[in-house]
Amino acid sequence: MDMQGSYSKKVLLNDEELKHKGVFVQEVKIKPGETAKEHYHKKQTEIFYFLSENGYWVINGEKVTFKIGEILVIEPFDKHEVTNNTAQDYTYLGFKLDYDSSDLYWE
């Protein structure tokens, strides 16, 4: 599990298992009261499937919330931030396409 301080990521399927370079599936948990600060990617697309509802996103300056089972697509250059404003973990699945570990830009 990859710990980022305010959130954790657990890779469920990697690109080797999926037989597609730069593609993987992970479980993400935002800890209670924490924020994954605003950032963007120049190459990768991220697709998120929500397993809980106790948080919100700010995407390109717009605050949005998602229900369990809803899907969000983050395209390259979409600035995004995630906040958990509750006492429980905010959990969702992330599907990454064209992933490159150097493709992360903080605001």
PDB file of N, CA and C in Angstrom:
ATOM      1  N   MET A   1       0.845  -1.178   0.000  1.00  0.00           N
ATOM      2  CA  MET A   1       0.000   0.000   0.000  1.00  0.00           C
ATOM      3  C   MET A   1       0.887   1.236   0.000  1.00  0.00           C
ATOM      4  N   ASP A   2       0.601   2.174  -0.887  1.00  0.00           N
ATOM      5  CA  ASP A   2       1.362   3.408  -1.038  1.00  0.00           C
ATOM      6  C   ASP A   2       0.723   4.483  -0.177  1.00  0.00           C
ATOM      7  N   MET A   3       1.420   4.952   0.852  1.00  0.00           N
ATOM      8  CA  MET A   3       0.871   5.949   1.766  1.00  0.00           C
ATOM      9  C   MET A   3       1.333   7.339   1.365  1.00  0.00           C
ATOM     10  N   GLN A   4       0.402   8.266   1.218  1.00  0.00           N
ATOM     11  CA  GLN A   4       0.706   9.632   0.832  1.00  0.00           C
ATOM     12  C   GLN A   4       0.439  10.602   1.973  1.00  0.00           C
ATOM     13  N   GLY A   5       0.264  10.141   3.202  1.00  0.00           N
ATOM     14  CA  GLY A   5      -0.035  11.020   4.321  1.00  0.00           C
ATOM     15  C   GLY A   5      -1.529  11.192   4.504  1.00  0.00           C
ATOM     16  N   SER A   6      -2.176  11.906   3.585  1.00  0.00           N
ATOM     17  CA  SER A   6      -3.606  12.165   3.701  1.00  0.00           C
ATOM     18  C   SER A   6      -4.455  11.069   3.045  1.00  0.00           C
ATOM     19  N   TYR A   7      -3.820  10.214   2.277  1.00  0.00           N
ATOM     20  CA  TYR A   7      -4.566   9.147   1.615  1.00  0.00           C
ATOM     21  C   TYR A   7      -3.662   7.941   1.384  1.00  0.00           C
ATOM     22  N   SER A   8      -4.298   6.817   1.044  1.00  0.00           N
ATOM     23  CA  SER A   8      -3.532   5.612   0.734  1.00  0.00           C
ATOM     24  C   SER A   8      -4.039   5.025  -0.574  1.00  0.00           C
ATOM     25  N   LYS A   9      -3.144   4.339  -1.276  1.00  0.00           N
ATOM     26  CA  LYS A   9      -3.480   3.668  -2.530  1.00  0.00           C
ATOM     27  C   LYS A   9      -3.005   2.225  -2.439  1.00  0.00           C
ATOM     28  N   LYS A  10      -3.836   1.320  -2.879  1.00  0.00           N
ATOM     29  CA  LYS A  10      -3.482  -0.089  -2.934  1.00  0.00           C
ATOM     30  C   LYS A  10      -3.707  -0.569  -4.363  1.00  0.00           C
ATOM     31  N   VAL A  11      -2.654  -0.984  -5.045  1.00  0.00           N
ATOM     32  CA  VAL A  11      -2.786  -1.476  -6.415  1.00  0.00           C
ATOM     33  C   VAL A  11      -3.470  -2.839  -6.388  1.00  0.00           C
ATOM     34  N   LEU A  12      -4.566  -2.959  -7.127  1.00  0.00           N
ATOM     35  CA  LEU A  12      -5.316  -4.214  -7.211  1.00  0.00           C
ATOM     36  C   LEU A  12      -4.903  -5.028  -8.427  1.00  0.00           C
ATOM     37  N   LEU A  13      -4.643  -4.344  -9.552  1.00  0.00           N
ATOM     38  CA  LEU A  13      -4.163  -4.982 -10.779  1.00  0.00           C
ATOM     39  C   LEU A  13      -3.142  -4.055 -11.412  1.00  0.00           C
ATOM     40  N   ASN A  14      -1.979  -4.601 -11.769  1.00  0.00           N
ATOM     41  CA  ASN A  14      -0.955  -3.757 -12.399  1.00  0.00           C
ATOM     42  C   ASN A  14      -0.909  -3.997 -13.908  1.00  0.00           C
ATOM     43  N   ASP A  15      -0.079  -3.204 -14.594  1.00  0.00           N
ATOM     44  CA  ASP A  15      -0.034  -3.292 -16.051  1.00  0.00           C
ATOM     45  C   ASP A  15       0.504  -4.639 -16.546  1.00  0.00           C
ATOM     46  N   GLU A  16       1.353  -5.265 -15.754  1.00  0.00           N
ATOM     47  CA  GLU A  16       1.847  -6.592 -16.139  1.00  0.00           C
ATOM     48  C   GLU A  16       0.723  -7.619 -16.101  1.00  0.00           C
ATOM     49  N   GLU A  17      -0.079  -7.591 -15.032  1.00  0.00           N
ATOM     50  CA  GLU A  17      -1.207  -8.513 -14.917  1.00  0.00           C
ATOM     51  C   GLU A  17      -2.269  -8.245 -15.993  1.00  0.00           C
ATOM     52  N   LEU A  18      -2.457  -6.977 -16.326  1.00  0.00           N
ATOM     53  CA  LEU A  18      -3.456  -6.599 -17.316  1.00  0.00           C
ATOM     54  C   LEU A  18      -2.934  -6.685 -18.750  1.00  0.00           C
ATOM     55  N   LYS A  19      -1.605  -6.867 -18.884  1.00  0.00           N
ATOM     56  CA  LYS A  19      -0.948  -6.987 -20.189  1.00  0.00           C
ATOM     57  C   LYS A  19      -1.135  -5.735 -21.061  1.00  0.00           C
ATOM     58  N   HIS A  20      -1.154  -4.574 -20.389  1.00  0.00           N
ATOM     59  CA  HIS A  20      -1.233  -3.273 -21.076  1.00  0.00           C
ATOM     60  C   HIS A  20      -0.361  -2.285 -20.325  1.00  0.00           C
ATOM     61  N   LYS A  21       0.712  -1.819 -20.956  1.00  0.00           N
ATOM     62  CA  LYS A  21       1.624  -0.881 -20.308  1.00  0.00           C
ATOM     63  C   LYS A  21       0.887   0.403 -19.929  1.00  0.00           C
ATOM     64  N   GLY A  22       1.139   0.873 -18.697  1.00  0.00           N
ATOM     65  CA  GLY A  22       0.563   2.135 -18.237  1.00  0.00           C
ATOM     66  C   GLY A  22      -0.883   2.062 -17.802  1.00  0.00           C
ATOM     67  N   VAL A  23      -1.407   0.856 -17.578  1.00  0.00           N
ATOM     68  CA  VAL A  23      -2.791   0.684 -17.137  1.00  0.00           C
ATOM     69  C   VAL A  23      -2.794  -0.069 -15.815  1.00  0.00           C
ATOM     70  N   PHE A  24      -3.505   0.461 -14.814  1.00  0.00           N
ATOM     71  CA  PHE A  24      -3.678  -0.312 -13.595  1.00  0.00           C
ATOM     72  C   PHE A  24      -4.902   0.129 -12.826  1.00  0.00           C
ATOM     73  N   VAL A  25      -5.296  -0.702 -11.860  1.00  0.00           N
ATOM     74  CA  VAL A  25      -6.475  -0.478 -11.034  1.00  0.00           C
ATOM     75  C   VAL A  25      -6.015  -0.403  -9.591  1.00  0.00           C
ATOM     76  N   GLN A  26      -6.525   0.586  -8.859  1.00  0.00           N
ATOM     77  CA  GLN A  26      -6.141   0.736  -7.455  1.00  0.00           C
ATOM     78  C   GLN A  26      -7.353   1.117  -6.610  1.00  0.00           C
ATOM     79  N   GLU A  27      -7.258   0.810  -5.325  1.00  0.00           N
ATOM     80  CA  GLU A  27      -8.229   1.273  -4.351  1.00  0.00           C
ATOM     81  C   GLU A  27      -7.621   2.485  -3.658  1.00  0.00           C
ATOM     82  N   VAL A  28      -8.393   3.563  -3.562  1.00  0.00           N
ATOM     83  CA  VAL A  28      -7.919   4.787  -2.927  1.00  0.00           C
ATOM     84  C   VAL A  28      -8.785   5.063  -1.706  1.00  0.00           C
ATOM     85  N   LYS A  29      -8.132   5.436  -0.598  1.00  0.00           N
ATOM     86  CA  LYS A  29      -8.834   5.840   0.618  1.00  0.00           C
ATOM     87  C   LYS A  29      -8.309   7.193   1.063  1.00  0.00           C
ATOM     88  N   ILE A  30      -9.222   8.162   1.156  1.00  0.00           N
ATOM     89  CA  ILE A  30      -8.885   9.459   1.714  1.00  0.00           C
ATOM     90  C   ILE A  30      -9.256   9.393   3.193  1.00  0.00           C
ATOM     91  N   LYS A  31      -8.297   9.664   4.055  1.00  0.00           N
ATOM     92  CA  LYS A  31      -8.520   9.573   5.496  1.00  0.00           C
ATOM     93  C   LYS A  31      -9.498  10.656   5.966  1.00  0.00           C
ATOM     94  N   PRO A  32     -10.188  10.406   7.082  1.00  0.00           N
ATOM     95  CA  PRO A  32     -11.132  11.390   7.623  1.00  0.00           C
ATOM     96  C   PRO A  32     -10.457  12.750   7.840  1.00  0.00           C
ATOM     97  N   GLY A  33     -11.146  13.802   7.383  1.00  0.00           N
ATOM     98  CA  GLY A  33     -10.659  15.163   7.569  1.00  0.00           C
ATOM     99  C   GLY A  33      -9.482  15.559   6.698  1.00  0.00           C
ATOM    100  N   GLU A  34      -9.086  14.724   5.732  1.00  0.00           N
ATOM    101  CA  GLU A  34      -7.889  14.992   4.922  1.00  0.00           C
ATOM    102  C   GLU A  34      -8.245  15.404   3.493  1.00  0.00           C
ATOM    103  N   THR A  35      -7.247  15.954   2.807  1.00  0.00           N
ATOM    104  CA  THR A  35      -7.395  16.394   1.419  1.00  0.00           C
ATOM    105  C   THR A  35      -6.206  15.917   0.598  1.00  0.00           C
ATOM    106  N   ALA A  36      -6.489  15.366  -0.572  1.00  0.00           N
ATOM    107  CA  ALA A  36      -5.450  15.118  -1.581  1.00  0.00           C
ATOM    108  C   ALA A  36      -5.405  16.396  -2.404  1.00  0.00           C
ATOM    109  N   LYS A  37      -4.354  17.177  -2.225  1.00  0.00           N
ATOM    110  CA  LYS A  37      -4.252  18.532  -2.768  1.00  0.00           C
ATOM    111  C   LYS A  37      -4.363  18.582  -4.290  1.00  0.00           C
ATOM    112  N   GLU A  38      -4.732  19.756  -4.786  1.00  0.00           N
ATOM    113  CA  GLU A  38      -4.947  19.964  -6.214  1.00  0.00           C
ATOM    114  C   GLU A  38      -3.709  19.606  -7.033  1.00  0.00           C
ATOM    115  N   HIS A  39      -3.949  18.857  -8.089  1.00  0.00           N
ATOM    116  CA  HIS A  39      -2.889  18.441  -8.998  1.00  0.00           C
ATOM    117  C   HIS A  39      -3.512  18.118 -10.356  1.00  0.00           C
ATOM    118  N   TYR A  40      -2.648  17.818 -11.319  1.00  0.00           N
ATOM    119  CA  TYR A  40      -3.124  17.407 -12.636  1.00  0.00           C
ATOM    120  C   TYR A  40      -2.067  16.529 -13.287  1.00  0.00           C
ATOM    121  N   HIS A  41      -2.448  15.932 -14.399  1.00  0.00           N
ATOM    122  CA  HIS A  41      -1.572  15.070 -15.181  1.00  0.00           C
ATOM    123  C   HIS A  41      -1.604  15.552 -16.624  1.00  0.00           C
ATOM    124  N   LYS A  42      -0.484  15.444 -17.306  1.00  0.00           N
ATOM    125  CA  LYS A  42      -0.429  15.882 -18.705  1.00  0.00           C
ATOM    126  C   LYS A  42      -0.748  14.756 -19.680  1.00  0.00           C
ATOM    127  N   LYS A  43      -0.534  13.497 -19.257  1.00  0.00           N
ATOM    128  CA  LYS A  43      -0.722  12.360 -20.165  1.00  0.00           C
ATOM    129  C   LYS A  43      -1.855  11.427 -19.753  1.00  0.00           C
ATOM    130  N   GLN A  44      -1.978  11.162 -18.465  1.00  0.00           N
ATOM    131  CA  GLN A  44      -2.872  10.088 -18.050  1.00  0.00           C
ATOM    132  C   GLN A  44      -4.326  10.527 -17.878  1.00  0.00           C
ATOM    133  N   THR A  45      -5.195   9.561 -18.106  1.00  0.00           N
ATOM    134  CA  THR A  45      -6.618   9.680 -17.827  1.00  0.00           C
ATOM    135  C   THR A  45      -6.904   8.816 -16.615  1.00  0.00           C
ATOM    136  N   GLU A  46      -7.737   9.321 -15.700  1.00  0.00           N
ATOM    137  CA  GLU A  46      -8.121   8.569 -14.505  1.00  0.00           C
ATOM    138  C   GLU A  46      -9.635   8.397 -14.510  1.00  0.00           C
ATOM    139  N   ILE A  47     -10.069   7.188 -14.206  1.00  0.00           N
ATOM    140  CA  ILE A  47     -11.494   6.877 -14.114  1.00  0.00           C
ATOM    141  C   ILE A  47     -11.742   6.388 -12.695  1.00  0.00           C
ATOM    142  N   PHE A  48     -12.677   7.028 -11.987  1.00  0.00           N
ATOM    143  CA  PHE A  48     -12.943   6.702 -10.593  1.00  0.00           C
ATOM    144  C   PHE A  48     -14.361   6.163 -10.437  1.00  0.00           C
ATOM    145  N   TYR A  49     -14.472   5.060  -9.664  1.00  0.00           N
ATOM    146  CA  TYR A  49     -15.745   4.427  -9.345  1.00  0.00           C
ATOM    147  C   TYR A  49     -15.914   4.515  -7.833  1.00  0.00           C
ATOM    148  N   PHE A  50     -17.009   5.142  -7.387  1.00  0.00           N
ATOM    149  CA  PHE A  50     -17.153   5.478  -5.971  1.00  0.00           C
ATOM    150  C   PHE A  50     -17.790   4.360  -5.148  1.00  0.00           C
ATOM    151  N   LEU A  51     -17.106   4.040  -4.032  1.00  0.00           N
ATOM    152  CA  LEU A  51     -17.555   3.013  -3.093  1.00  0.00           C
ATOM    153  C   LEU A  51     -18.160   3.620  -1.841  1.00  0.00           C
ATOM    154  N   SER A  52     -18.000   4.929  -1.653  1.00  0.00           N
ATOM    155  CA  SER A  52     -18.616   5.650  -0.542  1.00  0.00           C
ATOM    156  C   SER A  52     -18.931   7.067  -0.994  1.00  0.00           C
ATOM    157  N   GLU A  53     -19.665   7.808  -0.158  1.00  0.00           N
ATOM    158  CA  GLU A  53     -20.161   9.134  -0.549  1.00  0.00           C
ATOM    159  C   GLU A  53     -19.674  10.248   0.370  1.00  0.00           C
ATOM    160  N   ASN A  54     -18.732   9.968   1.234  1.00  0.00           N
ATOM    161  CA  ASN A  54     -18.398  10.927   2.278  1.00  0.00           C
ATOM    162  C   ASN A  54     -17.206  11.817   1.946  1.00  0.00           C
ATOM    163  N   GLY A  55     -17.277  12.466   0.809  1.00  0.00           N
ATOM    164  CA  GLY A  55     -16.249  13.411   0.431  1.00  0.00           C
ATOM    165  C   GLY A  55     -16.705  14.236  -0.741  1.00  0.00           C
ATOM    166  N   TYR A  56     -15.848  15.140  -1.184  1.00  0.00           N
ATOM    167  CA  TYR A  56     -16.173  15.936  -2.359  1.00  0.00           C
ATOM    168  C   TYR A  56     -14.905  16.223  -3.156  1.00  0.00           C
ATOM    169  N   TRP A  57     -15.104  16.597  -4.400  1.00  0.00           N
ATOM    170  CA  TRP A  57     -14.025  16.906  -5.328  1.00  0.00           C
ATOM    171  C   TRP A  57     -14.138  18.362  -5.745  1.00  0.00           C
ATOM    172  N   VAL A  58     -13.017  18.955  -6.086  1.00  0.00           N
ATOM    173  CA  VAL A  58     -12.992  20.236  -6.784  1.00  0.00           C
ATOM    174  C   VAL A  58     -12.261  19.965  -8.095  1.00  0.00           C
ATOM    175  N   ILE A  59     -12.996  20.091  -9.201  1.00  0.00           N
ATOM    176  CA  ILE A  59     -12.462  19.775 -10.525  1.00  0.00           C
ATOM    177  C   ILE A  59     -12.518  21.045 -11.368  1.00  0.00           C
ATOM    178  N   ASN A  60     -11.351  21.511 -11.761  1.00  0.00           N
ATOM    179  CA  ASN A  60     -11.266  22.753 -12.542  1.00  0.00           C
ATOM    180  C   ASN A  60     -12.068  23.875 -11.882  1.00  0.00           C
ATOM    181  N   GLY A  61     -11.964  23.943 -10.550  1.00  0.00           N
ATOM    182  CA  GLY A  61     -12.603  25.016  -9.785  1.00  0.00           C
ATOM    183  C   GLY A  61     -14.042  24.776  -9.385  1.00  0.00           C
ATOM    184  N   GLU A  62     -14.644  23.656  -9.805  1.00  0.00           N
ATOM    185  CA  GLU A  62     -16.047  23.364  -9.497  1.00  0.00           C
ATOM    186  C   GLU A  62     -16.147  22.249  -8.454  1.00  0.00           C
ATOM    187  N   LYS A  63     -16.887  22.502  -7.365  1.00  0.00           N
ATOM    188  CA  LYS A  63     -17.084  21.502  -6.313  1.00  0.00           C
ATOM    189  C   LYS A  63     -18.189  20.531  -6.734  1.00  0.00           C
ATOM    190  N   VAL A  64     -17.880  19.227  -6.660  1.00  0.00           N
ATOM    191  CA  VAL A  64     -18.854  18.196  -7.025  1.00  0.00           C
ATOM    192  C   VAL A  64     -18.794  17.036  -6.037  1.00  0.00           C
ATOM    193  N   THR A  65     -19.926  16.348  -5.871  1.00  0.00           N
ATOM    194  CA  THR A  65     -19.998  15.159  -5.031  1.00  0.00           C
ATOM    195  C   THR A  65     -20.506  13.997  -5.887  1.00  0.00           C
ATOM    196  N   PHE A  66     -20.239  12.778  -5.409  1.00  0.00           N
ATOM    197  CA  PHE A  66     -20.624  11.585  -6.156  1.00  0.00           C
ATOM    198  C   PHE A  66     -21.288  10.580  -5.232  1.00  0.00           C
ATOM    199  N   LYS A  67     -22.243   9.844  -5.770  1.00  0.00           N
ATOM    200  CA  LYS A  67     -22.935   8.789  -5.036  1.00  0.00           C
ATOM    201  C   LYS A  67     -22.236   7.449  -5.298  1.00  0.00           C
ATOM    202  N   ILE A  68     -22.466   6.490  -4.413  1.00  0.00           N
ATOM    203  CA  ILE A  68     -21.933   5.139  -4.597  1.00  0.00           C
ATOM    204  C   ILE A  68     -22.374   4.625  -5.968  1.00  0.00           C
ATOM    205  N   GLY A  69     -21.414   4.070  -6.711  1.00  0.00           N
ATOM    206  CA  GLY A  69     -21.702   3.518  -8.031  1.00  0.00           C
ATOM    207  C   GLY A  69     -21.545   4.498  -9.175  1.00  0.00           C
ATOM    208  N   GLU A  70     -21.376   5.781  -8.878  1.00  0.00           N
ATOM    209  CA  GLU A  70     -21.160   6.749  -9.953  1.00  0.00           C
ATOM    210  C   GLU A  70     -19.705   6.712 -10.415  1.00  0.00           C
ATOM    211  N   ILE A  71     -19.476   7.253 -11.605  1.00  0.00           N
ATOM    212  CA  ILE A  71     -18.153   7.224 -12.229  1.00  0.00           C
ATOM    213  C   ILE A  71     -17.738   8.644 -12.604  1.00  0.00           C
ATOM    214  N   LEU A  72     -16.474   8.940 -12.403  1.00  0.00           N
ATOM    215  CA  LEU A  72     -15.877  10.220 -12.764  1.00  0.00           C
ATOM    216  C   LEU A  72     -14.696   9.953 -13.689  1.00  0.00           C
ATOM    217  N   VAL A  73     -14.590  10.718 -14.776  1.00  0.00           N
ATOM    218  CA  VAL A  73     -13.442  10.632 -15.673  1.00  0.00           C
ATOM    219  C   VAL A  73     -12.659  11.939 -15.564  1.00  0.00           C
ATOM    220  N   ILE A  74     -11.382  11.827 -15.214  1.00  0.00           N
ATOM    221  CA  ILE A  74     -10.474  12.964 -15.155  1.00  0.00           C
ATOM    222  C   ILE A  74      -9.553  12.867 -16.369  1.00  0.00           C
ATOM    223  N   GLU A  75      -9.651  13.848 -17.253  1.00  0.00           N
ATOM    224  CA  GLU A  75      -8.840  13.889 -18.468  1.00  0.00           C
ATOM    225  C   GLU A  75      -7.512  14.595 -18.192  1.00  0.00           C
ATOM    226  N   PRO A  76      -6.520  14.403 -19.060  1.00  0.00           N
ATOM    227  CA  PRO A  76      -5.280  15.161 -18.900  1.00  0.00           C
ATOM    228  C   PRO A  76      -5.576  16.665 -18.784  1.00  0.00           C
ATOM    229  N   PHE A  77      -4.830  17.324 -17.903  1.00  0.00           N
ATOM    230  CA  PHE A  77      -4.910  18.760 -17.618  1.00  0.00           C
ATOM    231  C   PHE A  77      -6.110  19.163 -16.767  1.00  0.00           C
ATOM    232  N   ASP A  78      -7.006  18.219 -16.390  1.00  0.00           N
ATOM    233  CA  ASP A  78      -8.068  18.547 -15.437  1.00  0.00           C
ATOM    234  C   ASP A  78      -7.435  18.702 -14.059  1.00  0.00           C
ATOM    235  N   LYS A  79      -7.537  19.875 -13.468  1.00  0.00           N
ATOM    236  CA  LYS A  79      -7.031  20.091 -12.109  1.00  0.00           C
ATOM    237  C   LYS A  79      -8.052  19.518 -11.145  1.00  0.00           C
ATOM    238  N   HIS A  80      -7.571  18.693 -10.205  1.00  0.00           N
ATOM    239  CA  HIS A  80      -8.498  18.034  -9.296  1.00  0.00           C
ATOM    240  C   HIS A  80      -7.923  17.902  -7.889  1.00  0.00           C
ATOM    241  N   GLU A  81      -8.840  17.975  -6.927  1.00  0.00           N
ATOM    242  CA  GLU A  81      -8.531  17.870  -5.498  1.00  0.00           C
ATOM    243  C   GLU A  81      -9.660  17.085  -4.862  1.00  0.00           C
ATOM    244  N   VAL A  82      -9.334  16.279  -3.842  1.00  0.00           N
ATOM    245  CA  VAL A  82     -10.336  15.446  -3.173  1.00  0.00           C
ATOM    246  C   VAL A  82     -10.276  15.715  -1.678  1.00  0.00           C
ATOM    247  N   THR A  83     -11.441  15.948  -1.059  1.00  0.00           N
ATOM    248  CA  THR A  83     -11.512  16.205   0.381  1.00  0.00           C
ATOM    249  C   THR A  83     -12.500  15.256   1.029  1.00  0.00           C
ATOM    250  N   ASN A  84     -12.100  14.694   2.168  1.00  0.00           N
ATOM    251  CA  ASN A  84     -12.990  13.886   2.998  1.00  0.00           C
ATOM    252  C   ASN A  84     -13.340  14.742   4.211  1.00  0.00           C
ATOM    253  N   ASN A  85     -14.574  15.202   4.264  1.00  0.00           N
ATOM    254  CA  ASN A  85     -15.017  16.067   5.361  1.00  0.00           C
ATOM    255  C   ASN A  85     -15.863  15.316   6.383  1.00  0.00           C
ATOM    256  N   THR A  86     -15.587  14.018   6.546  1.00  0.00           N
ATOM    257  CA  THR A  86     -16.343  13.185   7.486  1.00  0.00           C
ATOM    258  C   THR A  86     -15.379  12.433   8.415  1.00  0.00           C
ATOM    259  N   ALA A  87     -15.945  11.594   9.272  1.00  0.00           N
ATOM    260  CA  ALA A  87     -15.152  10.805  10.222  1.00  0.00           C
ATOM    261  C   ALA A  87     -14.844   9.394   9.717  1.00  0.00           C
ATOM    262  N   GLN A  88     -15.267   9.063   8.488  1.00  0.00           N
ATOM    263  CA  GLN A  88     -15.037   7.739   7.902  1.00  0.00           C
ATOM    264  C   GLN A  88     -14.147   7.869   6.668  1.00  0.00           C
ATOM    265  N   ASP A  89     -13.455   6.789   6.285  1.00  0.00           N
ATOM    266  CA  ASP A  89     -12.658   6.798   5.063  1.00  0.00           C
ATOM    267  C   ASP A  89     -13.549   7.073   3.850  1.00  0.00           C
ATOM    268  N   TYR A  90     -13.033   7.830   2.900  1.00  0.00           N
ATOM    269  CA  TYR A  90     -13.692   8.064   1.610  1.00  0.00           C
ATOM    270  C   TYR A  90     -12.991   7.137   0.626  1.00  0.00           C
ATOM    271  N   THR A  91     -13.718   6.157   0.091  1.00  0.00           N
ATOM    272  CA  THR A  91     -13.112   5.077  -0.682  1.00  0.00           C
ATOM    273  C   THR A  91     -13.667   5.017  -2.102  1.00  0.00           C
ATOM    274  N   TYR A  92     -12.754   4.818  -3.050  1.00  0.00           N
ATOM    275  CA  TYR A  92     -13.157   4.657  -4.447  1.00  0.00           C
ATOM    276  C   TYR A  92     -12.095   3.859  -5.186  1.00  0.00           C
ATOM    277  N   LEU A  93     -12.475   3.320  -6.333  1.00  0.00           N
ATOM    278  CA  LEU A  93     -11.541   2.614  -7.198  1.00  0.00           C
ATOM    279  C   LEU A  93     -11.041   3.569  -8.268  1.00  0.00           C
ATOM    280  N   GLY A  94      -9.755   3.468  -8.583  1.00  0.00           N
ATOM    281  CA  GLY A  94      -9.160   4.286  -9.634  1.00  0.00           C
ATOM    282  C   GLY A  94      -8.611   3.402 -10.738  1.00  0.00           C
ATOM    283  N   PHE A  95      -8.966   3.722 -11.961  1.00  0.00           N
ATOM    284  CA  PHE A  95      -8.464   3.033 -13.147  1.00  0.00           C
ATOM    285  C   PHE A  95      -7.595   4.049 -13.890  1.00  0.00           C
ATOM    286  N   LYS A  96      -6.316   3.752 -14.036  1.00  0.00           N
ATOM    287  CA  LYS A  96      -5.387   4.687 -14.662  1.00  0.00           C
ATOM    288  C   LYS A  96      -5.021   4.203 -16.058  1.00  0.00           C
ATOM    289  N   LEU A  97      -5.063   5.137 -17.002  1.00  0.00           N
ATOM    290  CA  LEU A  97      -4.696   4.865 -18.392  1.00  0.00           C
ATOM    291  C   LEU A  97      -3.526   5.761 -18.763  1.00  0.00           C
ATOM    292  N   ASP A  98      -2.545   5.219 -19.455  1.00  0.00           N
ATOM    293  CA  ASP A  98      -1.335   5.963 -19.847  1.00  0.00           C
ATOM    294  C   ASP A  98      -0.575   6.468 -18.622  1.00  0.00           C
ATOM    295  N   TYR A  99      -0.566   5.662 -17.565  1.00  0.00           N
ATOM    296  CA  TYR A  99       0.094   6.049 -16.315  1.00  0.00           C
ATOM    297  C   TYR A  99       1.607   6.154 -16.492  1.00  0.00           C
ATOM    298  N   ASP A 100       2.156   7.194 -15.890  1.00  0.00           N
ATOM    299  CA  ASP A 100       3.594   7.426 -15.819  1.00  0.00           C
ATOM    300  C   ASP A 100       3.835   8.105 -14.482  1.00  0.00           C
ATOM    301  N   SER A 101       4.665   7.518 -13.631  1.00  0.00           N
ATOM    302  CA  SER A 101       4.860   8.052 -12.274  1.00  0.00           C
ATOM    303  C   SER A 101       5.385   9.485 -12.254  1.00  0.00           C
ATOM    304  N   SER A 102       6.012   9.948 -13.339  1.00  0.00           N
ATOM    305  CA  SER A 102       6.509  11.324 -13.383  1.00  0.00           C
ATOM    306  C   SER A 102       5.436  12.310 -13.865  1.00  0.00           C
ATOM    307  N   ASP A 103       4.262  11.818 -14.242  1.00  0.00           N
ATOM    308  CA  ASP A 103       3.198  12.658 -14.794  1.00  0.00           C
ATOM    309  C   ASP A 103       2.267  13.150 -13.673  1.00  0.00           C
ATOM    310  N   LEU A 104       2.832  13.937 -12.755  1.00  0.00           N
ATOM    311  CA  LEU A 104       2.077  14.466 -11.610  1.00  0.00           C
ATOM    312  C   LEU A 104       2.570  15.882 -11.361  1.00  0.00           C
ATOM    313  N   TYR A 105       1.640  16.830 -11.420  1.00  0.00           N
ATOM    314  CA  TYR A 105       1.987  18.241 -11.292  1.00  0.00           C
ATOM    315  C   TYR A 105       1.099  18.873 -10.224  1.00  0.00           C
ATOM    316  N   TRP A 106       1.737  19.413  -9.179  1.00  0.00           N
ATOM    317  CA  TRP A 106       1.028  20.031  -8.062  1.00  0.00           C
ATOM    318  C   TRP A 106       0.824  21.506  -8.330  1.00  0.00           C
ATOM    319  N   GLU A 107      -0.284  22.010  -7.895  1.00  0.00           N
ATOM    320  CA  GLU A 107      -0.557  23.454  -8.028  1.00  0.00           C
ATOM    321  C   GLU A 107       0.074  24.214  -6.899  1.00  0.00           C
TER     322      GLU A 107
END
